[in-house]
Amino acid sequence: MGIALRSFEIPKKLVCDEETLTAEYGKFIAEPFERGYGVTIG
């Protein structure tokens, strides 16, 4: 039995938060996610 999945919508925007950027750490913001994927990814 197969499962039909629709295609995953890739976030249109990826931004690096310059305020938190260091040599060892970087915070990236990707948006918008499809409904329900924010908790899964984050």
PDB file of N, CA and C in Angstrom:
ATOM      1  N   MET A   1       0.843  -1.170   0.000  1.00  0.00           N
ATOM      2  CA  MET A   1       0.000   0.000   0.000  1.00  0.00           C
ATOM      3  C   MET A   1       0.892   1.239   0.000  1.00  0.00           C
ATOM      4  N   GLY A   2       0.705   2.141  -0.956  1.00  0.00           N
ATOM      5  CA  GLY A   2       1.512   3.354  -1.058  1.00  0.00           C
ATOM      6  C   GLY A   2       0.853   4.540  -0.382  1.00  0.00           C
ATOM      7  N   ILE A   3       1.669   5.513  -0.051  1.00  0.00           N
ATOM      8  CA  ILE A   3       1.180   6.741   0.561  1.00  0.00           C
ATOM      9  C   ILE A   3       1.485   7.887  -0.394  1.00  0.00           C
ATOM     10  N   ALA A   4       0.473   8.666  -0.713  1.00  0.00           N
ATOM     11  CA  ALA A   4       0.664   9.811  -1.599  1.00  0.00           C
ATOM     12  C   ALA A   4       0.976  11.043  -0.761  1.00  0.00           C
ATOM     13  N   LEU A   5       2.137  11.601  -0.970  1.00  0.00           N
ATOM     14  CA  LEU A   5       2.535  12.812  -0.254  1.00  0.00           C
ATOM     15  C   LEU A   5       2.609  13.972  -1.233  1.00  0.00           C
ATOM     16  N   ARG A   6       2.130  15.104  -0.803  1.00  0.00           N
ATOM     17  CA  ARG A   6       2.277  16.279  -1.658  1.00  0.00           C
ATOM     18  C   ARG A   6       3.679  16.851  -1.456  1.00  0.00           C
ATOM     19  N   SER A   7       4.106  17.671  -2.349  1.00  0.00           N
ATOM     20  CA  SER A   7       5.466  18.200  -2.261  1.00  0.00           C
ATOM     21  C   SER A   7       5.604  19.158  -1.078  1.00  0.00           C
ATOM     22  N   PHE A   8       6.782  19.170  -0.497  1.00  0.00           N
ATOM     23  CA  PHE A   8       7.094  20.030   0.646  1.00  0.00           C
ATOM     24  C   PHE A   8       7.447  21.420   0.135  1.00  0.00           C
ATOM     25  N   GLU A   9       6.820  22.437   0.680  1.00  0.00           N
ATOM     26  CA  GLU A   9       7.118  23.812   0.278  1.00  0.00           C
ATOM     27  C   GLU A   9       8.358  24.305   1.008  1.00  0.00           C
ATOM     28  N   ILE A  10       9.377  24.649   0.256  1.00  0.00           N
ATOM     29  CA  ILE A  10      10.642  25.112   0.816  1.00  0.00           C
ATOM     30  C   ILE A  10      10.488  26.568   1.263  1.00  0.00           C
ATOM     31  N   PRO A  11      11.015  26.918   2.445  1.00  0.00           N
ATOM     32  CA  PRO A  11      10.937  28.315   2.895  1.00  0.00           C
ATOM     33  C   PRO A  11      11.557  29.259   1.870  1.00  0.00           C
ATOM     34  N   LYS A  12      10.929  30.399   1.677  1.00  0.00           N
ATOM     35  CA  LYS A  12      11.368  31.355   0.667  1.00  0.00           C
ATOM     36  C   LYS A  12      12.438  32.318   1.172  1.00  0.00           C
ATOM     37  N   LYS A  13      12.653  32.353   2.480  1.00  0.00           N
ATOM     38  CA  LYS A  13      13.563  33.346   3.050  1.00  0.00           C
ATOM     39  C   LYS A  13      14.456  32.689   4.100  1.00  0.00           C
ATOM     40  N   LEU A  14      15.757  32.899   4.005  1.00  0.00           N
ATOM     41  CA  LEU A  14      16.723  32.421   4.992  1.00  0.00           C
ATOM     42  C   LEU A  14      17.629  33.593   5.356  1.00  0.00           C
ATOM     43  N   VAL A  15      17.610  33.970   6.636  1.00  0.00           N
ATOM     44  CA  VAL A  15      18.347  35.146   7.103  1.00  0.00           C
ATOM     45  C   VAL A  15      19.243  34.751   8.264  1.00  0.00           C
ATOM     46  N   CYS A  16      20.466  35.268   8.263  1.00  0.00           N
ATOM     47  CA  CYS A  16      21.383  35.078   9.382  1.00  0.00           C
ATOM     48  C   CYS A  16      21.218  36.258  10.333  1.00  0.00           C
ATOM     49  N   ASP A  17      20.983  35.974  11.614  1.00  0.00           N
ATOM     50  CA  ASP A  17      20.834  37.021  12.631  1.00  0.00           C
ATOM     51  C   ASP A  17      22.225  37.544  12.987  1.00  0.00           C
ATOM     52  N   GLU A  18      22.555  38.725  12.500  1.00  0.00           N
ATOM     53  CA  GLU A  18      23.888  39.315  12.685  1.00  0.00           C
ATOM     54  C   GLU A  18      24.202  39.616  14.149  1.00  0.00           C
ATOM     55  N   GLU A  19      23.184  39.888  14.970  1.00  0.00           N
ATOM     56  CA  GLU A  19      23.405  40.243  16.379  1.00  0.00           C
ATOM     57  C   GLU A  19      23.963  39.081  17.190  1.00  0.00           C
ATOM     58  N   THR A  20      23.612  37.845  16.829  1.00  0.00           N
ATOM     59  CA  THR A  20      24.061  36.677  17.593  1.00  0.00           C
ATOM     60  C   THR A  20      25.229  35.959  16.928  1.00  0.00           C
ATOM     61  N   LEU A  21      25.703  36.448  15.802  1.00  0.00           N
ATOM     62  CA  LEU A  21      26.744  35.773  15.029  1.00  0.00           C
ATOM     63  C   LEU A  21      28.110  35.882  15.703  1.00  0.00           C
ATOM     64  N   THR A  22      28.729  34.715  15.961  1.00  0.00           N
ATOM     65  CA  THR A  22      30.092  34.654  16.483  1.00  0.00           C
ATOM     66  C   THR A  22      30.851  33.619  15.659  1.00  0.00           C
ATOM     67  N   ALA A  23      32.105  33.369  16.004  1.00  0.00           N
ATOM     68  CA  ALA A  23      32.900  32.368  15.291  1.00  0.00           C
ATOM     69  C   ALA A  23      32.387  30.951  15.540  1.00  0.00           C
ATOM     70  N   GLU A  24      31.693  30.731  16.671  1.00  0.00           N
ATOM     71  CA  GLU A  24      31.208  29.398  17.031  1.00  0.00           C
ATOM     72  C   GLU A  24      29.697  29.235  16.926  1.00  0.00           C
ATOM     73  N   TYR A  25      28.946  30.313  16.761  1.00  0.00           N
ATOM     74  CA  TYR A  25      27.488  30.237  16.820  1.00  0.00           C
ATOM     75  C   TYR A  25      26.863  31.161  15.787  1.00  0.00           C
ATOM     76  N   GLY A  26      25.796  30.707  15.193  1.00  0.00           N
ATOM     77  CA  GLY A  26      25.020  31.535  14.281  1.00  0.00           C
ATOM     78  C   GLY A  26      23.556  31.154  14.354  1.00  0.00           C
ATOM     79  N   LYS A  27      22.687  32.136  14.393  1.00  0.00           N
ATOM     80  CA  LYS A  27      21.244  31.902  14.428  1.00  0.00           C
ATOM     81  C   LYS A  27      20.682  32.228  13.053  1.00  0.00           C
ATOM     82  N   PHE A  28      19.984  31.256  12.453  1.00  0.00           N
ATOM     83  CA  PHE A  28      19.392  31.436  11.142  1.00  0.00           C
ATOM     84  C   PHE A  28      17.878  31.394  11.257  1.00  0.00           C
ATOM     85  N   ILE A  29      17.217  32.236  10.498  1.00  0.00           N
ATOM     86  CA  ILE A  29      15.760  32.299  10.495  1.00  0.00           C
ATOM     87  C   ILE A  29      15.281  31.934   9.098  1.00  0.00           C
ATOM     88  N   ALA A  30      14.473  30.871   9.014  1.00  0.00           N
ATOM     89  CA  ALA A  30      13.893  30.428   7.745  1.00  0.00           C
ATOM     90  C   ALA A  30      12.384  30.553   7.854  1.00  0.00           C
ATOM     91  N   GLU A  31      11.772  31.224   6.884  1.00  0.00           N
ATOM     92  CA  GLU A  31      10.320  31.384   6.901  1.00  0.00           C
ATOM     93  C   GLU A  31       9.784  31.610   5.506  1.00  0.00           C
ATOM     94  N   PRO A  32       8.555  31.358   5.241  1.00  0.00           N
ATOM     95  CA  PRO A  32       7.556  30.708   6.090  1.00  0.00           C
ATOM     96  C   PRO A  32       7.607  29.192   5.913  1.00  0.00           C
ATOM     97  N   PHE A  33       7.277  28.463   6.961  1.00  0.00           N
ATOM     98  CA  PHE A  33       7.153  27.012   6.885  1.00  0.00           C
ATOM     99  C   PHE A  33       5.695  26.642   6.664  1.00  0.00           C
ATOM    100  N   GLU A  34       5.486  25.459   6.105  1.00  0.00           N
ATOM    101  CA  GLU A  34       4.121  24.963   5.977  1.00  0.00           C
ATOM    102  C   GLU A  34       3.550  24.729   7.361  1.00  0.00           C
ATOM    103  N   ARG A  35       2.258  24.788   7.468  1.00  0.00           N
ATOM    104  CA  ARG A  35       1.562  24.588   8.740  1.00  0.00           C
ATOM    105  C   ARG A  35       1.972  23.255   9.358  1.00  0.00           C
ATOM    106  N   GLY A  36       2.430  23.294  10.617  1.00  0.00           N
ATOM    107  CA  GLY A  36       2.789  22.085  11.341  1.00  0.00           C
ATOM    108  C   GLY A  36       4.265  21.726  11.309  1.00  0.00           C
ATOM    109  N   TYR A  37       5.061  22.347  10.445  1.00  0.00           N
ATOM    110  CA  TYR A  37       6.474  21.996  10.330  1.00  0.00           C
ATOM    111  C   TYR A  37       7.384  22.826  11.225  1.00  0.00           C
ATOM    112  N   GLY A  38       6.922  23.935  11.766  1.00  0.00           N
ATOM    113  CA  GLY A  38       7.750  24.773  12.629  1.00  0.00           C
ATOM    114  C   GLY A  38       8.221  24.038  13.872  1.00  0.00           C
ATOM    115  N   VAL A  39       7.344  23.287  14.498  1.00  0.00           N
ATOM    116  CA  VAL A  39       7.696  22.524  15.699  1.00  0.00           C
ATOM    117  C   VAL A  39       8.612  21.362  15.334  1.00  0.00           C
ATOM    118  N   THR A  40       8.368  20.711  14.210  1.00  0.00           N
ATOM    119  CA  THR A  40       9.179  19.572  13.773  1.00  0.00           C
ATOM    120  C   THR A  40      10.618  19.990  13.496  1.00  0.00           C
ATOM    121  N   ILE A  41      10.810  21.090  12.819  1.00  0.00           N
ATOM    122  CA  ILE A  41      12.140  21.570  12.455  1.00  0.00           C
ATOM    123  C   ILE A  41      12.816  22.243  13.645  1.00  0.00           C
ATOM    124  N   GLY A  42      12.089  23.079  14.376  1.00  0.00           N
ATOM    125  CA  GLY A  42      12.648  23.927  15.419  1.00  0.00           C
ATOM    126  C   GLY A  42      12.958  23.195  16.671  1.00  0.00           C
TER     127      GLY A  42
END
